[in-house]
PDB file of all heavy atoms in Angstrom:
ATOM      1  N   ALA A   1    -122.525-123.487 -38.843  1.00  0.00           N
ATOM      2  CA  ALA A   1    -122.937-123.696 -37.457  1.00  0.00           C
ATOM      3  C   ALA A   1    -123.993-122.685 -37.018  1.00  0.00           C
ATOM      4  O   ALA A   1    -124.866-122.992 -36.195  1.00  0.00           O
ATOM      5  CB  ALA A   1    -121.712-123.628 -36.534  1.00  0.00           C
ATOM      6  N   GLU A   2    -123.936-121.492 -37.576  1.00  0.00           N
ATOM      7  CA  GLU A   2    -124.889-120.450 -37.202  1.00  0.00           C
ATOM      8  C   GLU A   2    -126.143-120.465 -38.075  1.00  0.00           C
ATOM      9  O   GLU A   2    -127.113-119.745 -37.780  1.00  0.00           O
ATOM     10  CB  GLU A   2    -124.210-119.076 -37.302  1.00  0.00           C
ATOM     11  CG  GLU A   2    -123.076-118.896 -36.297  1.00  0.00           C
ATOM     12  CD  GLU A   2    -122.280-117.627 -36.553  1.00  0.00           C
ATOM     13  OE1 GLU A   2    -122.719-116.825 -37.422  1.00  0.00           O
ATOM     14  OE2 GLU A   2    -121.226-117.441 -35.920  1.00  0.00           O
ATOM     15  N   GLY A   3    -126.116-121.244 -39.147  1.00  0.00           N
ATOM     16  CA  GLY A   3    -127.280-121.320 -40.022  1.00  0.00           C
ATOM     17  C   GLY A   3    -127.495-120.082 -40.857  1.00  0.00           C
ATOM     18  O   GLY A   3    -128.633-119.755 -41.206  1.00  0.00           O
ATOM     19  N   VAL A   4    -126.417-119.402 -41.217  1.00  0.00           N
ATOM     20  CA  VAL A   4    -126.557-118.168 -41.988  1.00  0.00           C
ATOM     21  C   VAL A   4    -126.264-118.391 -43.468  1.00  0.00           C
ATOM     22  O   VAL A   4    -126.167-117.433 -44.238  1.00  0.00           O
ATOM     23  CB  VAL A   4    -125.628-117.056 -41.436  1.00  0.00           C
ATOM     24  CG1 VAL A   4    -126.010-116.704 -40.026  1.00  0.00           C
ATOM     25  CG2 VAL A   4    -124.163-117.479 -41.520  1.00  0.00           C
ATOM     26  N   ASP A   5    -126.121-119.647 -43.895  1.00  0.00           N
ATOM     27  CA  ASP A   5    -125.907-119.925 -45.309  1.00  0.00           C
ATOM     28  C   ASP A   5    -127.221-119.788 -46.062  1.00  0.00           C
ATOM     29  O   ASP A   5    -128.283-119.590 -45.473  1.00  0.00           O
ATOM     30  CB  ASP A   5    -125.337-121.338 -45.485  1.00  0.00           C
ATOM     31  CG  ASP A   5    -126.307-122.391 -44.964  1.00  0.00           C
ATOM     32  OD1 ASP A   5    -126.255-122.723 -43.767  1.00  0.00           O
ATOM     33  OD2 ASP A   5    -127.139-122.854 -45.763  1.00  0.00           O
ATOM     34  N   ARG A   6    -127.186-119.917 -47.388  1.00  0.00           N
ATOM     35  CA  ARG A   6    -128.378-119.681 -48.211  1.00  0.00           C
ATOM     36  C   ARG A   6    -129.450-120.742 -47.998  1.00  0.00           C
ATOM     37  O   ARG A   6    -130.608-120.541 -48.377  1.00  0.00           O
ATOM     38  CB  ARG A   6    -128.005-119.603 -49.693  1.00  0.00           C
ATOM     39  CG  ARG A   6    -127.449-120.870 -50.248  1.00  0.00           C
ATOM     40  CD  ARG A   6    -127.111-120.853 -51.747  1.00  0.00           C
ATOM     41  NE  ARG A   6    -127.090-119.613 -52.442  1.00  0.00           N
ATOM     42  CZ  ARG A   6    -126.113-119.203 -53.272  1.00  0.00           C
ATOM     43  NH1 ARG A   6    -125.065-119.977 -53.442  1.00  0.00           N
ATOM     44  NH2 ARG A   6    -126.195-118.072 -53.901  1.00  0.00           N
ATOM     45  N   LEU A   7    -129.135-121.865 -47.334  1.00  0.00           N
ATOM     46  CA  LEU A   7    -130.139-122.886 -47.067  1.00  0.00           C
ATOM     47  C   LEU A   7    -130.880-122.645 -45.767  1.00  0.00           C
ATOM     48  O   LEU A   7    -131.968-123.191 -45.552  1.00  0.00           O
ATOM     49  CB  LEU A   7    -129.494-124.280 -47.026  1.00  0.00           C
ATOM     50  CG  LEU A   7    -128.713-124.710 -48.268  1.00  0.00           C
ATOM     51  CD1 LEU A   7    -128.240-126.144 -48.110  1.00  0.00           C
ATOM     52  CD2 LEU A   7    -129.542-124.550 -49.534  1.00  0.00           C
ATOM     53  N   GLY A   8    -130.290-121.849 -44.876  1.00  0.00           N
ATOM     54  CA  GLY A   8    -130.936-121.574 -43.600  1.00  0.00           C
ATOM     55  C   GLY A   8    -130.971-122.761 -42.662  1.00  0.00           C
ATOM     56  O   GLY A   8    -131.861-122.865 -41.814  1.00  0.00           O
ATOM     57  N   ILE A   9    -130.002-123.665 -42.795  1.00  0.00           N
ATOM     58  CA  ILE A   9    -129.934-124.854 -41.937  1.00  0.00           C
ATOM     59  C   ILE A   9    -128.704-124.750 -41.049  1.00  0.00           C
ATOM     60  O   ILE A   9    -127.578-124.617 -41.545  1.00  0.00           O
ATOM     61  CB  ILE A   9    -129.864-126.139 -42.782  1.00  0.00           C
ATOM     62  CG1 ILE A   9    -131.142-126.311 -43.607  1.00  0.00           C
ATOM     63  CG2 ILE A   9    -129.635-127.361 -41.897  1.00  0.00           C
ATOM     64  CD1 ILE A   9    -131.109-127.482 -44.565  1.00  0.00           C
ATOM     65  N   ALA A  10    -128.904-124.794 -39.750  1.00  0.00           N
ATOM     66  CA  ALA A  10    -127.793-124.748 -38.811  1.00  0.00           C
ATOM     67  C   ALA A  10    -127.237-126.153 -38.597  1.00  0.00           C
ATOM     68  O   ALA A  10    -127.994-127.094 -38.344  1.00  0.00           O
ATOM     69  CB  ALA A  10    -128.246-124.158 -37.477  1.00  0.00           C
ATOM     70  N   VAL A  11    -125.934-126.294 -38.717  1.00  0.00           N
ATOM     71  CA  VAL A  11    -125.266-127.587 -38.551  1.00  0.00           C
ATOM     72  C   VAL A  11    -124.627-127.649 -37.171  1.00  0.00           C
ATOM     73  O   VAL A  11    -123.889-126.737 -36.784  1.00  0.00           O
ATOM     74  CB  VAL A  11    -124.194-127.804 -39.636  1.00  0.00           C
ATOM     75  CG1 VAL A  11    -123.501-129.154 -39.448  1.00  0.00           C
ATOM     76  CG2 VAL A  11    -124.797-127.705 -41.027  1.00  0.00           C
ATOM     77  N   ARG A  12    -124.921-128.714 -36.436  1.00  0.00           N
ATOM     78  CA  ARG A  12    -124.253-128.914 -35.146  1.00  0.00           C
ATOM     79  C   ARG A  12    -123.057-129.834 -35.357  1.00  0.00           C
ATOM     80  O   ARG A  12    -123.196-130.973 -35.800  1.00  0.00           O
ATOM     81  CB  ARG A  12    -125.201-129.526 -34.124  1.00  0.00           C
ATOM     82  CG  ARG A  12    -124.625-129.501 -32.696  1.00  0.00           C
ATOM     83  CD  ARG A  12    -125.591-130.043 -31.687  1.00  0.00           C
ATOM     84  NE  ARG A  12    -125.611-131.489 -31.676  1.00  0.00           N
ATOM     85  CZ  ARG A  12    -124.708-132.247 -31.016  1.00  0.00           C
ATOM     86  NH1 ARG A  12    -123.738-131.673 -30.347  1.00  0.00           N
ATOM     87  NH2 ARG A  12    -124.803-133.555 -31.054  1.00  0.00           N
ATOM     88  N   PHE A  13    -121.871-129.302 -35.064  1.00  0.00           N
ATOM     89  CA  PHE A  13    -120.625-130.044 -35.203  1.00  0.00           C
ATOM     90  C   PHE A  13    -120.226-130.608 -33.844  1.00  0.00           C
ATOM     91  O   PHE A  13    -119.872-129.838 -32.937  1.00  0.00           O
ATOM     92  CB  PHE A  13    -119.500-129.144 -35.708  1.00  0.00           C
ATOM     93  CG  PHE A  13    -119.639-128.691 -37.131  1.00  0.00           C
ATOM     94  CD1 PHE A  13    -120.388-127.561 -37.444  1.00  0.00           C
ATOM     95  CD2 PHE A  13    -119.014-129.370 -38.161  1.00  0.00           C
ATOM     96  CE1 PHE A  13    -120.520-127.128 -38.756  1.00  0.00           C
ATOM     97  CE2 PHE A  13    -119.136-128.950 -39.481  1.00  0.00           C
ATOM     98  CZ  PHE A  13    -119.888-127.818 -39.776  1.00  0.00           C
ATOM     99  N   PRO A  14    -120.264-131.920 -33.637  1.00  0.00           N
ATOM    100  CA  PRO A  14    -119.764-132.485 -32.379  1.00  0.00           C
ATOM    101  C   PRO A  14    -118.292-132.165 -32.188  1.00  0.00           C
ATOM    102  O   PRO A  14    -117.580-131.807 -33.140  1.00  0.00           O
ATOM    103  CB  PRO A  14    -119.989-133.991 -32.562  1.00  0.00           C
ATOM    104  CG  PRO A  14    -121.066-134.097 -33.583  1.00  0.00           C
ATOM    105  CD  PRO A  14    -120.837-132.935 -34.519  1.00  0.00           C
ATOM    106  N   ALA A  15    -117.844-132.306 -30.972  1.00  0.00           N
ATOM    107  CA  ALA A  15    -116.458-131.973 -30.630  1.00  0.00           C
ATOM    108  C   ALA A  15    -115.484-132.673 -31.567  1.00  0.00           C
ATOM    109  O   ALA A  15    -115.545-133.884 -31.774  1.00  0.00           O
ATOM    110  CB  ALA A  15    -116.172-132.373 -29.182  1.00  0.00           C
ATOM    111  N   GLY A  16    -114.588-131.893 -32.146  1.00  0.00           N
ATOM    112  CA  GLY A  16    -113.546-132.443 -32.993  1.00  0.00           C
ATOM    113  C   GLY A  16    -113.882-132.449 -34.472  1.00  0.00           C
ATOM    114  O   GLY A  16    -112.978-132.339 -35.307  1.00  0.00           O
ATOM    115  N   LEU A  17    -115.150-132.560 -34.837  1.00  0.00           N
ATOM    116  CA  LEU A  17    -115.487-132.664 -36.253  1.00  0.00           C
ATOM    117  C   LEU A  17    -115.385-131.324 -36.970  1.00  0.00           C
ATOM    118  O   LEU A  17    -115.047-131.275 -38.154  1.00  0.00           O
ATOM    119  CB  LEU A  17    -116.885-133.260 -36.424  1.00  0.00           C
ATOM    120  CG  LEU A  17    -117.055-134.709 -35.957  1.00  0.00           C
ATOM    121  CD1 LEU A  17    -118.424-135.242 -36.369  1.00  0.00           C
ATOM    122  CD2 LEU A  17    -115.953-135.609 -36.515  1.00  0.00           C
ATOM    123  N   ALA A  18    -115.656-130.239 -36.257  1.00  0.00           N
ATOM    124  CA  ALA A  18    -115.461-128.919 -36.861  1.00  0.00           C
ATOM    125  C   ALA A  18    -113.981-128.703 -37.175  1.00  0.00           C
ATOM    126  O   ALA A  18    -113.621-128.212 -38.260  1.00  0.00           O
ATOM    127  CB  ALA A  18    -115.977-127.826 -35.936  1.00  0.00           C
ATOM    128  N   SER A  19    -113.120-129.096 -36.234  1.00  0.00           N
ATOM    129  CA  SER A  19    -111.678-128.950 -36.457  1.00  0.00           C
ATOM    130  C   SER A  19    -111.203-129.814 -37.615  1.00  0.00           C
ATOM    131  O   SER A  19    -110.332-129.409 -38.391  1.00  0.00           O
ATOM    132  CB  SER A  19    -110.903-129.330 -35.194  1.00  0.00           C
ATOM    133  OG  SER A  19    -111.206-128.436 -34.139  1.00  0.00           O
ATOM    134  N   GLU A  20    -111.783-131.005 -37.757  1.00  0.00           N
ATOM    135  CA  GLU A  20    -111.427-131.860 -38.894  1.00  0.00           C
ATOM    136  C   GLU A  20    -111.727-131.160 -40.210  1.00  0.00           C
ATOM    137  O   GLU A  20    -110.941-131.236 -41.160  1.00  0.00           O
ATOM    138  CB  GLU A  20    -112.182-133.192 -38.828  1.00  0.00           C
ATOM    139  CG  GLU A  20    -111.660-134.179 -37.799  1.00  0.00           C
ATOM    140  CD  GLU A  20    -112.285-135.547 -37.957  1.00  0.00           C
ATOM    141  OE1 GLU A  20    -112.562-135.947 -39.111  1.00  0.00           O
ATOM    142  OE2 GLU A  20    -112.500-136.234 -36.949  1.00  0.00           O
ATOM    143  N   CYS A  21    -112.860-130.478 -40.277  1.00  0.00           N
ATOM    144  CA  CYS A  21    -113.230-129.774 -41.507  1.00  0.00           C
ATOM    145  C   CYS A  21    -112.285-128.616 -41.800  1.00  0.00           C
ATOM    146  O   CYS A  21    -111.916-128.370 -42.947  1.00  0.00           O
ATOM    147  CB  CYS A  21    -114.663-129.262 -41.408  1.00  0.00           C
ATOM    148  SG  CYS A  21    -115.917-130.554 -41.420  1.00  0.00           S
ATOM    149  N   VAL A  22    -111.900-127.911 -40.763  1.00  0.00           N
ATOM    150  CA  VAL A  22    -111.000-126.774 -40.941  1.00  0.00           C
ATOM    151  C   VAL A  22    -109.588-127.243 -41.265  1.00  0.00           C
ATOM    152  O   VAL A  22    -108.902-126.667 -42.118  1.00  0.00           O
ATOM    153  CB  VAL A  22    -111.006-125.883 -39.690  1.00  0.00           C
ATOM    154  CG1 VAL A  22    -109.968-124.764 -39.817  1.00  0.00           C
ATOM    155  CG2 VAL A  22    -112.385-125.281 -39.466  1.00  0.00           C
ATOM    156  N   ASP A  23    -109.153-128.318 -40.624  1.00  0.00           N
ATOM    157  CA  ASP A  23    -107.778-128.787 -40.783  1.00  0.00           C
ATOM    158  C   ASP A  23    -107.550-129.561 -42.074  1.00  0.00           C
ATOM    159  O   ASP A  23    -106.401-129.705 -42.516  1.00  0.00           O
ATOM    160  CB  ASP A  23    -107.379-129.676 -39.597  1.00  0.00           C
ATOM    161  CG  ASP A  23    -107.306-128.909 -38.289  1.00  0.00           C
ATOM    162  OD1 ASP A  23    -107.183-127.669 -38.341  1.00  0.00           O
ATOM    163  OD2 ASP A  23    -107.390-129.542 -37.217  1.00  0.00           O
ATOM    164  N   ASP A  24    -108.611-130.075 -42.676  1.00  0.00           N
ATOM    165  CA  ASP A  24    -108.487-130.836 -43.919  1.00  0.00           C
ATOM    166  C   ASP A  24    -108.268-129.861 -45.064  1.00  0.00           C
ATOM    167  O   ASP A  24    -109.211-129.289 -45.617  1.00  0.00           O
ATOM    168  CB  ASP A  24    -109.747-131.673 -44.146  1.00  0.00           C
ATOM    169  CG  ASP A  24    -109.697-132.489 -45.433  1.00  0.00           C
ATOM    170  OD1 ASP A  24    -108.641-132.485 -46.108  1.00  0.00           O
ATOM    171  OD2 ASP A  24    -110.707-133.137 -45.765  1.00  0.00           O
ATOM    172  N   ALA A  25    -107.000-129.672 -45.460  1.00  0.00           N
ATOM    173  CA  ALA A  25    -106.665-128.661 -46.464  1.00  0.00           C
ATOM    174  C   ALA A  25    -107.213-128.988 -47.845  1.00  0.00           C
ATOM    175  O   ALA A  25    -107.386-128.089 -48.676  1.00  0.00           O
ATOM    176  CB  ALA A  25    -105.150-128.489 -46.534  1.00  0.00           C
ATOM    177  N   SER A  26    -107.501-130.258 -48.110  1.00  0.00           N
ATOM    178  CA  SER A  26    -108.084-130.630 -49.393  1.00  0.00           C
ATOM    179  C   SER A  26    -109.538-130.185 -49.505  1.00  0.00           C
ATOM    180  O   SER A  26    -110.097-130.126 -50.606  1.00  0.00           O
ATOM    181  CB  SER A  26    -108.007-132.145 -49.597  1.00  0.00           C
ATOM    182  OG  SER A  26    -108.872-132.812 -48.688  1.00  0.00           O
ATOM    183  N   GLY A  27    -110.154-129.897 -48.369  1.00  0.00           N
ATOM    184  CA  GLY A  27    -111.552-129.489 -48.355  1.00  0.00           C
ATOM    185  C   GLY A  27    -112.543-130.624 -48.513  1.00  0.00           C
ATOM    186  O   GLY A  27    -113.753-130.382 -48.588  1.00  0.00           O
ATOM    187  N   ASP A  28    -112.069-131.864 -48.531  1.00  0.00           N
ATOM    188  CA  ASP A  28    -112.969-132.986 -48.803  1.00  0.00           C
ATOM    189  C   ASP A  28    -114.015-133.172 -47.705  1.00  0.00           C
ATOM    190  O   ASP A  28    -115.194-133.405 -47.995  1.00  0.00           O
ATOM    191  CB  ASP A  28    -112.165-134.276 -48.969  1.00  0.00           C
ATOM    192  CG  ASP A  28    -111.274-134.253 -50.205  1.00  0.00           C
ATOM    193  OD1 ASP A  28    -111.502-133.390 -51.078  1.00  0.00           O
ATOM    194  OD2 ASP A  28    -110.354-135.081 -50.304  1.00  0.00           O
ATOM    195  N   ARG A  29    -113.603-133.079 -46.450  1.00  0.00           N
ATOM    196  CA  ARG A  29    -114.571-133.236 -45.366  1.00  0.00           C
ATOM    197  C   ARG A  29    -115.575-132.091 -45.358  1.00  0.00           C
ATOM    198  O   ARG A  29    -116.774-132.317 -45.166  1.00  0.00           O
ATOM    199  CB  ARG A  29    -113.844-133.335 -44.026  1.00  0.00           C
ATOM    200  CG  ARG A  29    -113.161-134.684 -43.792  1.00  0.00           C
ATOM    201  CD  ARG A  29    -112.307-134.657 -42.542  1.00  0.00           C
ATOM    202  NE  ARG A  29    -111.748-135.965 -42.220  1.00  0.00           N
ATOM    203  CZ  ARG A  29    -110.700-136.514 -42.838  1.00  0.00           C
ATOM    204  NH1 ARG A  29    -110.098-135.850 -43.831  1.00  0.00           N
ATOM    205  NH2 ARG A  29    -110.255-137.718 -42.490  1.00  0.00           N
ATOM    206  N   LEU A  30    -115.097-130.882 -45.583  1.00  0.00           N
ATOM    207  CA  LEU A  30    -116.001-129.739 -45.606  1.00  0.00           C
ATOM    208  C   LEU A  30    -116.966-129.857 -46.789  1.00  0.00           C
ATOM    209  O   LEU A  30    -118.166-129.579 -46.647  1.00  0.00           O
ATOM    210  CB  LEU A  30    -115.207-128.443 -45.681  1.00  0.00           C
ATOM    211  CG  LEU A  30    -116.025-127.144 -45.719  1.00  0.00           C
ATOM    212  CD1 LEU A  30    -117.029-127.081 -44.581  1.00  0.00           C
ATOM    213  CD2 LEU A  30    -115.094-125.935 -45.689  1.00  0.00           C
ATOM    214  N   ASP A  31    -116.470-130.269 -47.943  1.00  0.00           N
ATOM    215  CA  ASP A  31    -117.356-130.439 -49.094  1.00  0.00           C
ATOM    216  C   ASP A  31    -118.423-131.493 -48.814  1.00  0.00           C
ATOM    217  O   ASP A  31    -119.582-131.347 -49.226  1.00  0.00           O
ATOM    218  CB  ASP A  31    -116.546-130.825 -50.334  1.00  0.00           C
ATOM    219  CG  ASP A  31    -115.875-129.636 -50.988  1.00  0.00           C
ATOM    220  OD1 ASP A  31    -116.181-128.490 -50.608  1.00  0.00           O
ATOM    221  OD2 ASP A  31    -115.039-129.844 -51.894  1.00  0.00           O
ATOM    222  N   ALA A  32    -118.050-132.559 -48.116  1.00  0.00           N
ATOM    223  CA  ALA A  32    -119.032-133.588 -47.765  1.00  0.00           C
ATOM    224  C   ALA A  32    -120.115-133.006 -46.854  1.00  0.00           C
ATOM    225  O   ALA A  32    -121.305-133.331 -46.994  1.00  0.00           O
ATOM    226  CB  ALA A  32    -118.343-134.778 -47.105  1.00  0.00           C
ATOM    227  N   VAL A  33    -119.730-132.133 -45.930  1.00  0.00           N
ATOM    228  CA  VAL A  33    -120.712-131.500 -45.042  1.00  0.00           C
ATOM    229  C   VAL A  33    -121.619-130.558 -45.829  1.00  0.00           C
ATOM    230  O   VAL A  33    -122.834-130.489 -45.587  1.00  0.00           O
ATOM    231  CB  VAL A  33    -120.010-130.758 -43.887  1.00  0.00           C
ATOM    232  CG1 VAL A  33    -121.013-129.960 -43.063  1.00  0.00           C
ATOM    233  CG2 VAL A  33    -119.256-131.736 -42.999  1.00  0.00           C
ATOM    234  N   LEU A  34    -121.059-129.827 -46.781  1.00  0.00           N
ATOM    235  CA  LEU A  34    -121.874-128.945 -47.616  1.00  0.00           C
ATOM    236  C   LEU A  34    -122.900-129.761 -48.421  1.00  0.00           C
ATOM    237  O   LEU A  34    -124.062-129.358 -48.558  1.00  0.00           O
ATOM    238  CB  LEU A  34    -120.979-128.139 -48.554  1.00  0.00           C
ATOM    239  CG  LEU A  34    -120.096-127.081 -47.867  1.00  0.00           C
ATOM    240  CD1 LEU A  34    -119.021-126.573 -48.832  1.00  0.00           C
ATOM    241  CD2 LEU A  34    -120.924-125.918 -47.345  1.00  0.00           C
ATOM    242  N   CYS A  35    -122.475-130.913 -48.935  1.00  0.00           N
ATOM    243  CA  CYS A  35    -123.412-131.803 -49.635  1.00  0.00           C
ATOM    244  C   CYS A  35    -124.459-132.351 -48.669  1.00  0.00           C
ATOM    245  O   CYS A  35    -125.636-132.510 -49.034  1.00  0.00           O
ATOM    246  CB  CYS A  35    -122.656-132.957 -50.292  1.00  0.00           C
ATOM    247  SG  CYS A  35    -121.617-132.484 -51.688  1.00  0.00           S
ATOM    248  N   LEU A  36    -124.044-132.633 -47.451  1.00  0.00           N
ATOM    249  CA  LEU A  36    -124.981-133.099 -46.425  1.00  0.00           C
ATOM    250  C   LEU A  36    -126.044-132.042 -46.146  1.00  0.00           C
ATOM    251  O   LEU A  36    -127.237-132.366 -45.996  1.00  0.00           O
ATOM    252  CB  LEU A  36    -124.214-133.439 -45.146  1.00  0.00           C
ATOM    253  CG  LEU A  36    -125.044-133.810 -43.910  1.00  0.00           C
ATOM    254  CD1 LEU A  36    -125.830-135.096 -44.144  1.00  0.00           C
ATOM    255  CD2 LEU A  36    -124.126-133.943 -42.687  1.00  0.00           C
ATOM    256  N   ALA A  37    -125.636-130.777 -46.073  1.00  0.00           N
ATOM    257  CA  ALA A  37    -126.608-129.701 -45.841  1.00  0.00           C
ATOM    258  C   ALA A  37    -127.601-129.610 -46.994  1.00  0.00           C
ATOM    259  O   ALA A  37    -128.801-129.377 -46.780  1.00  0.00           O
ATOM    260  CB  ALA A  37    -125.873-128.374 -45.656  1.00  0.00           C
ATOM    261  N   GLN A  38    -127.140-129.806 -48.224  1.00  0.00           N
ATOM    262  CA  GLN A  38    -128.059-129.797 -49.363  1.00  0.00           C
ATOM    263  C   GLN A  38    -129.015-130.984 -49.303  1.00  0.00           C
ATOM    264  O   GLN A  38    -130.198-130.865 -49.653  1.00  0.00           O
ATOM    265  CB  GLN A  38    -127.266-129.795 -50.667  1.00  0.00           C
ATOM    266  CG  GLN A  38    -126.562-128.460 -50.928  1.00  0.00           C
ATOM    267  CD  GLN A  38    -125.719-128.481 -52.188  1.00  0.00           C
ATOM    268  OE1 GLN A  38    -124.809-129.286 -52.321  1.00  0.00           O
ATOM    269  NE2 GLN A  38    -126.026-127.582 -53.114  1.00  0.00           N
TER     270      GLN A  38
END
């Protein structure tokens, strides 16, 4: 969200989607977002 990753791209998470990434213990949603940033 802050754009401090090695790609330098800030991601805007609409309401609720950030929590989905954090709450998904399998990491699948977060991994999909990381692929999206790439």
